[in-house]
Structure formats: structure tokens, C-alpha cells
Protein backbone atom coordinates (compact mmCIF):
# COMPACT_ATOMS: atom_id res chain seq x y z
CA MET A 1 -142.56 -51.98 70.29
CA LEU A 2 -140.09 -52.06 67.13
CA LEU A 3 -139.53 -48.37 68.09
CA ASP A 4 -138.38 -49.04 71.82
CA ALA A 5 -136.37 -51.72 70.50
CA ALA A 6 -134.72 -49.41 67.64
CA ARG A 7 -134.25 -46.57 70.47
CA GLU A 8 -132.46 -49.20 73.04
CA ALA A 9 -130.30 -50.46 70.30
CA SER A 10 -129.41 -47.20 68.68
CA ALA A 11 -128.93 -45.88 72.57
CA GLU A 12 -126.21 -48.62 73.13
CA ALA A 13 -124.43 -47.83 70.45
CA VAL A 14 -123.87 -44.01 70.98
CA GLY A 15 -123.03 -45.10 74.54
CA CYS A 16 -126.43 -43.60 76.39
CA ARG A 17 -129.27 -44.12 77.78
CA ALA A 18 -132.61 -44.55 75.64
CA ASP A 19 -134.63 -42.16 77.41
CA GLU A 20 -131.90 -39.36 76.47
CA LEU A 21 -132.13 -40.50 72.46
CA VAL A 22 -134.84 -39.04 70.44
CA PHE A 23 -135.35 -39.86 66.60
CA THR A 24 -135.26 -36.92 64.08
CA SER A 25 -136.13 -36.89 60.12
CA SER A 26 -132.20 -35.57 59.49
CA GLY A 27 -129.34 -35.27 60.60
CA THR A 28 -129.38 -31.66 59.97
CA ARG A 29 -132.68 -31.56 61.58
CA ALA A 30 -130.82 -32.94 64.35
CA VAL A 31 -128.72 -30.36 64.93
CA HIS A 32 -130.79 -27.50 64.26
CA SER A 33 -133.41 -28.83 67.47
CA GLY A 34 -129.54 -29.67 69.35
CA VAL A 35 -128.65 -25.88 69.16
CA ALA A 36 -132.00 -24.41 68.96
CA GLY A 37 -133.52 -26.18 72.32
CA VAL A 38 -129.75 -25.69 74.64
CA LEU A 39 -129.52 -22.22 73.41
CA ALA A 40 -133.00 -21.78 74.35
CA ALA A 41 -132.91 -23.04 77.62
CA ARG A 42 -129.82 -21.42 78.63
CA ARG A 43 -130.87 -17.47 77.32
CA ARG A 44 -130.70 -16.41 81.49
CA VAL A 45 -127.12 -17.20 81.03
CA GLY A 46 -126.28 -15.44 77.80
CA ARG A 47 -126.35 -15.56 74.27
CA HIS A 48 -123.23 -16.62 73.43
CA LEU A 49 -122.22 -19.34 71.18
CA ILE A 50 -118.90 -21.22 70.00
CA VAL A 51 -118.69 -23.29 66.81
CA SER A 52 -115.56 -24.57 65.02
CA ALA A 53 -114.52 -23.23 61.89
CA VAL A 54 -114.78 -26.19 60.12
CA GLU A 55 -118.07 -27.48 61.37
CA HIS A 56 -120.62 -28.93 58.78
CA SER A 57 -123.03 -26.44 57.39
CA SER A 58 -125.81 -27.27 59.40
CA VAL A 59 -124.13 -26.08 62.40
CA LEU A 60 -123.16 -23.02 60.43
CA HIS A 61 -126.28 -22.36 59.18
CA ALA A 62 -127.61 -23.12 62.81
CA ALA A 63 -124.64 -20.29 64.16
CA ASP A 64 -125.83 -17.71 61.71
CA ALA A 65 -129.63 -17.80 62.30
CA TYR A 66 -128.71 -17.51 66.30
CA GLU A 67 -126.40 -14.75 65.39
CA ALA A 68 -129.00 -12.86 62.93
CA GLU A 69 -131.73 -13.13 65.76
CA GLY A 70 -129.20 -11.01 68.10
CA GLY A 71 -127.07 -13.54 69.13
CA THR A 72 -123.01 -13.86 69.37
CA VAL A 73 -120.83 -16.59 67.25
CA THR A 74 -117.32 -17.12 68.25
CA GLN A 75 -115.53 -19.11 65.12
CA VAL A 76 -112.73 -20.94 66.95
CA THR A 77 -109.70 -21.39 63.98
CA VAL A 78 -108.15 -24.66 62.77
CA GLY A 79 -104.42 -25.42 62.45
CA ARG A 80 -103.51 -26.89 59.06
CA SER A 81 -104.61 -30.15 59.76
CA GLY A 82 -107.69 -29.33 59.94
CA ALA A 83 -108.08 -29.68 64.55
CA VAL A 84 -108.85 -27.45 66.60
CA ASN A 85 -106.18 -26.21 69.89
CA VAL A 86 -108.16 -27.13 72.61
CA ALA A 87 -106.51 -24.03 74.61
CA ALA A 88 -107.99 -22.20 72.12
CA TYR A 89 -111.58 -23.29 72.84
CA ALA A 90 -110.95 -22.63 76.43
CA GLU A 91 -109.79 -19.13 75.49
CA ALA A 92 -113.17 -18.95 73.50
CA LEU A 93 -115.32 -19.09 76.62
CA ARG A 94 -117.02 -16.93 78.29
CA PRO A 95 -119.41 -16.12 81.28
CA ASP A 96 -121.96 -15.24 78.80
CA THR A 97 -121.73 -18.31 76.47
CA ALA A 98 -124.82 -21.22 76.55
CA LEU A 99 -123.48 -23.61 74.08
CA ALA A 100 -120.35 -24.94 72.44
CA CYS A 101 -120.37 -26.70 69.40
CA LEU A 102 -117.30 -29.35 68.10
CA GLN A 103 -117.69 -31.99 65.39
CA SER A 104 -116.19 -35.73 66.34
CA ALA A 105 -114.43 -35.81 62.74
CA ASN A 106 -114.23 -33.59 59.47
CA HIS A 107 -116.91 -34.85 56.82
CA GLU A 108 -113.92 -33.12 54.25
CA VAL A 109 -110.77 -34.41 55.21
CA GLY A 110 -111.26 -36.93 58.40
CA THR A 111 -109.59 -35.45 61.05
CA GLU A 112 -110.80 -36.38 64.28
CA GLN A 113 -110.93 -33.76 67.02
CA PRO A 114 -110.35 -33.31 70.65
CA VAL A 115 -113.56 -33.91 71.79
CA ALA A 116 -112.79 -35.30 74.89
CA GLU A 117 -110.17 -32.74 75.93
CA VAL A 118 -112.26 -29.72 75.55
CA ALA A 119 -115.71 -31.61 77.02
CA GLY A 120 -113.86 -31.26 79.45
CA VAL A 121 -112.92 -28.05 79.31
CA CYS A 122 -116.40 -27.26 78.44
CA ARG A 123 -117.76 -29.43 81.65
CA GLU A 124 -115.68 -27.32 84.08
CA ALA A 125 -117.33 -23.56 82.52
CA GLY A 126 -120.26 -25.25 83.26
CA VAL A 127 -120.41 -25.30 79.67
CA PRO A 128 -122.72 -28.08 77.70
CA LEU A 129 -120.64 -29.54 74.35
CA LEU A 130 -122.89 -30.42 70.90
CA VAL A 131 -121.09 -33.10 69.11
CA ASP A 132 -121.97 -33.48 65.75
CA ALA A 133 -120.69 -36.99 65.60
CA ALA A 134 -122.47 -37.88 62.11
CA GLN A 135 -118.94 -38.80 60.39
CA SER A 136 -117.63 -40.88 62.90
CA LEU A 137 -121.08 -42.16 64.65
CA GLY A 138 -120.60 -45.70 62.52
CA TRP A 139 -116.99 -45.93 63.37
CA GLY A 140 -117.49 -45.91 67.44
CA PRO A 141 -119.03 -44.14 70.23
CA VAL A 142 -117.86 -40.61 70.92
CA GLU A 143 -115.35 -40.10 73.75
CA GLY A 144 -115.69 -37.67 76.85
CA ASP A 145 -118.13 -35.79 79.08
CA TRP A 146 -120.45 -34.18 76.30
CA SER A 147 -123.93 -33.08 76.24
CA VAL A 148 -125.46 -33.44 73.60
CA LEU A 149 -124.72 -35.52 70.51
CA THR A 150 -126.13 -36.17 67.19
CA GLY A 151 -126.04 -38.08 64.10
CA SER A 152 -126.87 -39.29 60.34
CA ALA A 153 -128.07 -42.73 59.15
CA HIS A 154 -127.05 -42.37 56.02
CA LYS A 155 -123.43 -41.79 56.89
CA TRP A 156 -122.94 -45.16 58.44
CA GLY A 157 -124.72 -47.20 55.28
CA GLY A 158 -128.33 -46.70 57.20
CA PRO A 159 -131.58 -45.30 55.20
CA SER A 160 -131.85 -41.29 54.51
CA GLY A 161 -133.92 -39.41 56.18
CA VAL A 162 -133.50 -40.68 60.16
CA GLY A 163 -131.04 -38.64 62.25
CA LEU A 164 -130.34 -39.26 66.22
CA LEU A 165 -130.55 -36.56 68.51
CA VAL A 166 -129.48 -37.21 72.13
CA VAL A 167 -129.31 -34.62 75.11
CA ARG A 168 -127.82 -36.38 78.63
CA LYS A 169 -130.19 -35.99 81.74
CA GLY A 170 -129.43 -32.76 83.18
CA VAL A 171 -128.54 -30.49 80.84
CA ARG A 172 -131.32 -27.76 80.10
CA PHE A 173 -133.18 -28.00 77.03
CA ALA A 174 -136.25 -26.44 75.42
CA ALA A 175 -137.71 -27.79 72.18
CA GLN A 176 -138.51 -25.20 70.19
CA GLY A 177 -141.88 -25.38 67.60
CA PRO A 178 -145.03 -25.96 68.52
CA ALA A 179 -145.78 -28.73 71.39
CA ASP A 180 -145.84 -32.28 70.16
CA GLU A 181 -145.96 -35.42 72.35
CA ARG A 182 -143.65 -37.38 69.89
CA GLU A 183 -140.35 -38.13 71.10
CA SER A 184 -140.32 -36.58 74.23
CA GLY A 185 -141.65 -33.37 72.35
CA ARG A 186 -137.94 -32.75 70.81
CA ALA A 187 -139.21 -33.84 66.95
CA ALA A 188 -142.40 -33.05 65.77
CA GLY A 189 -144.28 -35.57 63.56
CA PHE A 190 -144.95 -39.19 63.03
CA GLU A 191 -142.09 -41.24 63.39
CA ASN A 192 -140.63 -43.12 60.02
CA ILE A 193 -140.45 -46.49 61.57
CA PRO A 194 -139.51 -48.58 58.93
CA ALA A 195 -136.47 -46.21 58.19
CA ILE A 196 -135.94 -46.00 62.00
CA VAL A 197 -135.19 -49.69 62.76
CA ALA A 198 -133.60 -49.83 59.58
CA ALA A 199 -131.35 -47.13 60.68
CA ALA A 200 -130.63 -48.91 64.17
CA ALA A 201 -130.14 -52.71 62.73
CA SER A 202 -127.69 -51.02 60.29
CA LEU A 203 -125.56 -49.20 62.56
CA ARG A 204 -125.35 -52.13 64.57
CA ALA A 205 -124.15 -54.34 61.55
CA VAL A 206 -121.35 -52.25 60.93
CA ARG A 207 -120.35 -51.62 64.58
CA ALA A 208 -119.81 -55.75 64.82
CA GLU A 209 -117.25 -55.06 61.53
CA ALA A 210 -116.19 -51.62 62.60
CA ALA A 211 -112.84 -52.51 64.36
CA GLN A 212 -111.49 -54.84 61.77
CA GLU A 213 -112.80 -52.95 59.04
CA ALA A 214 -111.27 -49.85 60.30
CA VAL A 215 -107.59 -51.35 60.18
CA ARG A 216 -107.87 -52.78 56.64
CA LEU A 217 -109.32 -48.83 55.18
CA ARG A 218 -106.36 -47.33 56.82
CA GLU A 219 -103.88 -49.61 55.83
CA LEU A 220 -105.76 -48.39 52.16
CA THR A 221 -105.53 -44.79 52.96
CA GLU A 222 -102.72 -45.00 53.77
CA ARG A 223 -101.14 -46.30 50.78
CA ILE A 224 -102.81 -43.85 49.17
CA ARG A 225 -101.56 -40.97 51.36
CA ALA A 226 -97.97 -42.47 50.48
CA ARG A 227 -98.67 -43.10 46.49
CA VAL A 228 -100.54 -39.86 45.34
CA PRO A 229 -97.31 -37.87 45.80
CA ARG A 230 -95.09 -40.38 44.13
CA VAL A 231 -97.06 -40.64 41.50
CA VAL A 232 -98.63 -37.16 40.85
CA PRO A 233 -96.27 -34.00 40.91
CA ASP A 234 -97.13 -31.03 42.94
CA VAL A 235 -100.28 -32.45 44.63
CA GLU A 236 -100.89 -31.67 48.78
CA VAL A 237 -102.42 -34.64 50.90
CA VAL A 238 -104.47 -32.82 53.44
CA GLY A 239 -106.32 -33.70 56.77
CA ASP A 240 -103.97 -35.00 60.34
CA PRO A 241 -102.30 -37.76 58.98
CA VAL A 242 -102.76 -39.83 62.13
CA ARG A 243 -105.85 -38.51 63.97
CA ARG A 244 -108.38 -38.89 61.01
CA LEU A 245 -111.12 -41.76 59.95
CA PRO A 246 -110.26 -44.83 58.84
CA GLY A 247 -111.99 -44.49 55.04
CA ILE A 248 -111.53 -40.98 54.21
CA VAL A 249 -108.17 -39.19 52.58
CA THR A 250 -108.32 -36.00 50.44
CA PHE A 251 -105.44 -34.31 48.12
CA SER A 252 -105.29 -31.37 46.12
CA CYS A 253 -103.68 -31.42 43.03
CA LEU A 254 -101.94 -27.99 41.57
CA TYR A 255 -102.95 -26.26 37.98
CA VAL A 256 -106.05 -28.91 38.13
CA ASP A 257 -109.03 -27.74 37.91
CA GLY A 258 -111.58 -29.81 40.40
CA GLU A 259 -114.78 -30.73 38.41
CA ALA A 260 -112.75 -31.76 35.11
CA LEU A 261 -110.69 -33.74 37.02
CA LEU A 262 -113.77 -35.39 38.97
CA HIS A 263 -115.24 -35.98 35.17
CA GLU A 264 -112.20 -37.66 34.15
CA LEU A 265 -112.13 -39.98 36.97
CA ASP A 266 -115.96 -40.93 36.77
CA ARG A 267 -115.32 -41.87 32.92
CA ALA A 268 -112.34 -44.22 34.32
CA GLY A 269 -115.21 -45.82 37.19
CA PHE A 270 -114.44 -44.13 40.53
CA SER A 271 -117.13 -41.73 41.93
CA VAL A 272 -115.24 -39.59 44.19
CA SER A 273 -115.61 -35.83 45.86
CA SER A 274 -114.38 -32.46 45.74
CA GLY A 275 -114.13 -29.43 47.81
CA SER A 276 -112.60 -27.96 44.91
CA SER A 277 -113.21 -23.76 44.82
CA CYS A 278 -114.66 -24.59 41.18
CA THR A 279 -117.77 -26.79 42.41
CA SER A 280 -120.63 -26.29 39.87
CA SER A 281 -122.67 -25.70 42.97
CA THR A 282 -121.13 -22.74 44.66
CA LEU A 283 -118.02 -21.40 42.94
CA THR A 284 -116.68 -20.74 46.28
CA PRO A 285 -113.84 -22.86 48.08
CA SER A 286 -114.40 -25.09 50.56
CA HIS A 287 -114.69 -23.22 53.95
CA VAL A 288 -113.23 -26.52 55.38
CA LEU A 289 -110.02 -25.86 53.05
CA LYS A 290 -110.57 -22.10 52.93
CA ALA A 291 -110.20 -22.63 57.26
CA MET A 292 -106.96 -24.77 57.33
CA GLY A 293 -105.48 -22.95 54.72
CA VAL A 294 -103.98 -25.21 52.58
CA LEU A 295 -104.69 -25.72 48.65
CA SER A 296 -108.70 -25.79 47.39
CA GLU A 297 -108.00 -26.01 43.65
CA GLY A 298 -108.06 -29.94 42.09
CA ASN A 299 -109.06 -31.16 45.21
CA VAL A 300 -110.26 -34.75 45.36
CA ARG A 301 -111.69 -36.19 48.52
CA VAL A 302 -112.19 -39.95 48.41
CA SER A 303 -114.13 -42.11 50.53
CA LEU A 304 -113.76 -45.71 50.62
CA PRO A 305 -116.60 -47.55 51.55
CA PHE A 306 -117.22 -50.77 53.44
CA GLY A 307 -116.12 -53.84 51.94
CA THR A 308 -113.58 -51.41 49.53
CA PRO A 309 -111.25 -53.83 47.16
CA ALA A 310 -107.94 -53.47 47.50
CA GLU A 311 -107.57 -53.95 43.73
CA ASP A 312 -110.17 -50.93 43.42
CA VAL A 313 -107.61 -48.43 45.46
CA GLU A 314 -104.35 -50.11 43.55
CA ARG A 315 -106.68 -49.22 39.97
CA PHE A 316 -107.47 -45.74 40.91
CA LEU A 317 -103.74 -45.64 41.88
CA GLU A 318 -103.23 -46.23 38.27
CA VAL A 319 -105.44 -44.01 36.60
CA LEU A 320 -104.86 -41.08 38.69
CA PRO A 321 -102.02 -39.78 36.98
CA GLY A 322 -102.91 -39.95 33.64
CA ALA A 323 -105.78 -37.75 35.11
CA VAL A 324 -104.02 -35.44 36.09
CA ALA A 325 -102.30 -35.10 33.27
CA GLY A 326 -104.79 -34.95 30.91
CA VAL A 327 -107.09 -31.91 32.68
CA ARG A 328 -103.49 -30.03 33.17
CA GLU A 329 -102.91 -30.67 29.38
CA LYS A 330 -106.27 -29.52 28.69
CA LEU A 331 -105.69 -26.46 30.87
CA GLY A 332 -102.52 -25.61 28.17
CA ALA A 333 -100.77 -23.09 29.18
CA PRO A 334 -102.43 -19.91 28.98
CA VAL A 335 -100.76 -16.62 27.41
CA THR A 336 -100.03 -14.53 30.19
CA GLU A 337 -100.43 -11.12 29.78
CA THR A 338 -96.90 -9.90 32.01
CA VAL A 339 -95.57 -5.88 32.05
CA VAL A 340 -92.57 -4.65 34.95
CA ARG A 341 -93.83 -2.24 36.73
CA ASP A 342 -91.42 -0.50 39.32
CA ASP A 343 -89.52 -3.70 38.95
CA VAL A 344 -92.53 -5.79 39.86
CA LEU A 345 -93.85 -8.13 37.25
CA VAL A 346 -97.29 -7.81 36.46
CA VAL A 347 -99.44 -10.83 35.86
CA ASP A 348 -103.12 -9.79 34.49
CA SER A 349 -105.28 -12.66 35.60
CA LEU A 350 -108.69 -10.51 36.20
CA GLY A 351 -111.55 -12.54 34.78
CA LYS A 352 -109.83 -16.01 34.56
CA LEU A 353 -110.95 -18.64 37.13
CA CYS A 354 -108.48 -21.02 39.47
CA PRO A 355 -105.88 -22.34 38.81
CA ILE A 356 -105.51 -20.66 35.85
CA PRO A 357 -104.55 -18.03 38.47
CA VAL A 358 -102.13 -20.31 40.25
CA ILE A 359 -100.49 -21.80 36.45
CA GLU A 360 -100.22 -18.05 34.83
CA LEU A 361 -97.89 -16.91 38.59
CA ALA A 362 -96.09 -20.20 38.21
CA LYS A 363 -95.25 -19.78 34.87
CA VAL A 364 -93.35 -16.17 35.34
CA ILE A 365 -92.26 -16.46 38.88
CA GLY A 366 -88.81 -17.56 37.52
CA GLU A 367 -88.68 -14.47 35.48
CA VAL A 368 -87.56 -11.95 38.32
CA PRO A 369 -84.49 -12.71 40.81
CA VAL A 370 -84.46 -14.03 43.68
CA GLY A 371 -86.13 -11.34 46.24
CA GLY A 372 -88.47 -9.95 43.55
CA LEU A 373 -91.79 -9.47 43.27
CA VAL A 374 -94.33 -10.70 41.05
CA ARG A 375 -98.20 -8.80 41.33
CA VAL A 376 -100.94 -11.51 40.27
CA LEU A 377 -104.31 -9.07 39.78
CA ALA A 378 -107.32 -11.23 40.11
CA ASP A 379 -110.78 -11.27 40.64
CA ASP A 380 -111.85 -14.91 41.57
CA GLU A 381 -112.64 -15.70 44.88
CA ALA A 382 -110.20 -18.90 45.45
CA ALA A 383 -107.07 -17.03 44.35
CA ARG A 384 -107.30 -15.26 47.68
CA LEU A 385 -107.20 -19.38 49.40
CA ASP A 386 -105.18 -20.66 46.15
CA ILE A 387 -102.08 -18.31 45.65
CA PRO A 388 -100.96 -18.70 49.36
CA ALA A 389 -100.99 -22.33 49.35
CA TRP A 390 -99.66 -22.29 46.19
CA CYS A 391 -96.24 -20.23 48.13
CA GLU A 392 -96.71 -22.70 51.21
CA MET A 393 -96.02 -25.26 48.19
CA ARG A 394 -93.73 -24.32 46.60
CA GLY A 395 -90.93 -22.63 48.61
CA GLN A 396 -92.32 -19.10 47.94
CA GLU A 397 -93.17 -16.21 49.90
CA TYR A 398 -96.67 -14.86 50.14
CA VAL A 399 -96.45 -11.10 51.14
CA GLY A 400 -100.14 -10.12 51.19
CA GLU A 401 -102.93 -8.24 49.44
CA GLU A 402 -103.04 -4.47 48.07
CA PRO A 403 -105.77 -2.58 46.24
CA ALA A 404 -106.69 -2.81 43.02
CA GLU A 405 -108.56 -0.65 40.15
CA ARG A 406 -110.20 -4.50 39.96
CA GLY A 407 -110.22 -7.79 41.51
CA THR A 408 -106.89 -7.51 44.47
CA ALA A 409 -103.68 -7.68 43.56
CA TYR A 410 -101.73 -10.30 45.09
CA MET A 411 -98.19 -10.13 46.36
CA VAL A 412 -95.49 -13.15 45.95
CA ARG A 413 -91.68 -12.73 46.19
CA ARG A 414 -89.58 -15.31 45.28
CA VAL A 415 -87.18 -16.91 47.37
CA THR A 416 -86.17 -19.89 45.45
């Protein structure tokens, strides 16, 4: 009875039938089961999968696994705001497309995707659309004629270890793995009844306050978006300024190590995240920021939970300038090895992690005449993203890459 009641409450919040929704052990499991189930059921149609370049890693990992098994995958690119172009999704559709995937909103920058429009395009082509709604489901149902939907309870404040998988009636689906009679055969294992009940109750609770809280949090994130560029020099606020989730705002600071900035803010009492190129776990740029073509170094993602007081935001804005300045001072002004070869200024940043190559570029760009070239030698993978992003922010021309004996040579032309 508890399980049935939780299912009905969750289905009402999602906007689907109760018999279309099953509970899984996590949002990631819901994604993997949803992708695999649709692809297996539509194998006769073809073995082509479409995803966007900014999907959650669970979707991209499922796509990688499918490609390793012989399927083909198309990644649809995004613009600088992080949103896909509907026409690009339509162009990616093929006669052998078995499934298309698109997140409802991005987990790193908050940009909302045109799900309803893409769902319409997919419906006309006879292709089911799977929507990863983990980030947005707490704010409201996903609009559009989607076919499959996934969610994760911890994203709306519920317990971890509970996911949702919704498969619309009429969508071909073949559950993978050993048969199990639980959850319509789509999620093996005994259901975690206490966690499922808590997940449904928390979803209902946050939805009851979502409309009012969204207005309040949007005002606070707008305050951050507007004030940060004024109080911190050389910063880029990323993500769509209008079509975005209420409580997420992301910005990147030039000449700052992301992890060092997070530690400074943590000491001041603020727990924020980073999609920075210098994250301690991978030391690689965020795939989302990379796909958007924006600055990855010194990245800060602020997520405002329900009930965040305005006073906390004001204190954050007071602390941030000093924290950024402190990190920049600690990085110092590295001694830059520069030589001139054939009228090209060469900056040797080999063996140095970002943001050092960008700092060294910024320090010498004024030494060449307008129209002159700077050749930056770097072997940190993040430089491939951060140097073009710096040029975009500073009004200089990024010419491109050139082969080098070690690392990569990045060519920059002085415009101003």
C-alpha cells in the first residue's frame, strides 16, 4: 500500500500514469535502464543513438557503452549558452535512429533545454525521446511529448538511492538483464520502501512551494549574475541568462585555480562546486564547459537550496572579491620565458597547469604590436579550452593550434 501510494504521488508530480512509473536504485540506474531498454526494443529500427554534448555523465557513459557494442552515436553540439539548437537535433535524426536523449536542464550551468520542441521533432520522425529530468523535476513537470523520463530523488532534496524511470504507454521497451517480477520487470531487486516513501513525500513537499520559491531564488541568482562581474575583474558568467533553473549560477574567473578558490570560500563558510579544469579528481576540463566553449579555469558553481536567506548571498558577494584576489596573489606573477622567433613571441609554459599558461599569455600580449603573434607552448589539456576562451573575453584573435616538439603551440594574434 505504501509503495502504491508513493507511485501514485510521484506519477502525479511527473505528469504520467502510475503504471508508467517504476522506482530504481538511483537516477544513474534509471538512465542506464531506460537507454538500454529502448535501444534493445528498437534494434530492428537501427542502432543509432543521439545525445547532446552536455548530458550528465550517466547518459554519456551509457552512450559510450552502446558505441563499444557496435552502435553509432551522434553528439549534438550546443551554443555558448549551453542550449542545443532544435534544427541541429532534427538534422541528427536518421532512418536508423533508435533513440534520442536530451536533459531537461543542465546540472552545471542551469541552462534549460528546448525539450518540448525537440520532442515534437522526434515525434514527427517516429523516434522516442528520453529526458533526463533529474535537475529540474523538483521545480515542475517536464513539458512536451517525451517518451521516457528519468529522475533522482536526492536532486529535489529526497534521500539518495531512489530513482524514477517513466516509460510512456506505446513506447517499445525491453528490460535488460535477468528477469525480475518487481517494478514491472524494469528494476531488479527488492524496493527500498522507506526511501521511496520519503522520496515521494519530499517531491510533493518541494512542489507545493516551488512556484513561490522559484521567484525568490531567481532574484538571488540574478543578483549574483549582475554583481559578480562588477566586484570581480576578469570574470565570465556562463549559462543562459533567461532560460535557466532558479537556483544555479555559474561563473569563471581568469588567472585563478578552481580548487584553490573553492578552499578559500570553504574557509569562509561557503560550500560551492567547480567544473574547473583543475578539479582534483580528473585534472581534465568539465565536458559541459568544454562543449560550450567558455572559460573553465577558476570555475565556481553556486547552488542555492530551498530557503537560502538573502543575507547569505550578500555575505558571499562580500567575501568573493577578496577570495579571488587572494588566490591570484598566491599564484603570483610567474617568471615567463619568452623569446622572439621570426617576429613571433614565444611563451614556454610546458609543464605548467592552467591557469598559468593563460596568466603568462596575458602578461606578454602587450609586448607585441597590434597584429603581432604570440605562440604559447603548453602541455596541459585545459589550455586547449582556456586560451581560446581568454581570447574571446579579452578581444584578441585565437588563430589556432600548431604542431610542436612537445605539447601544443597555441597561436594568438593581438587585436587591441
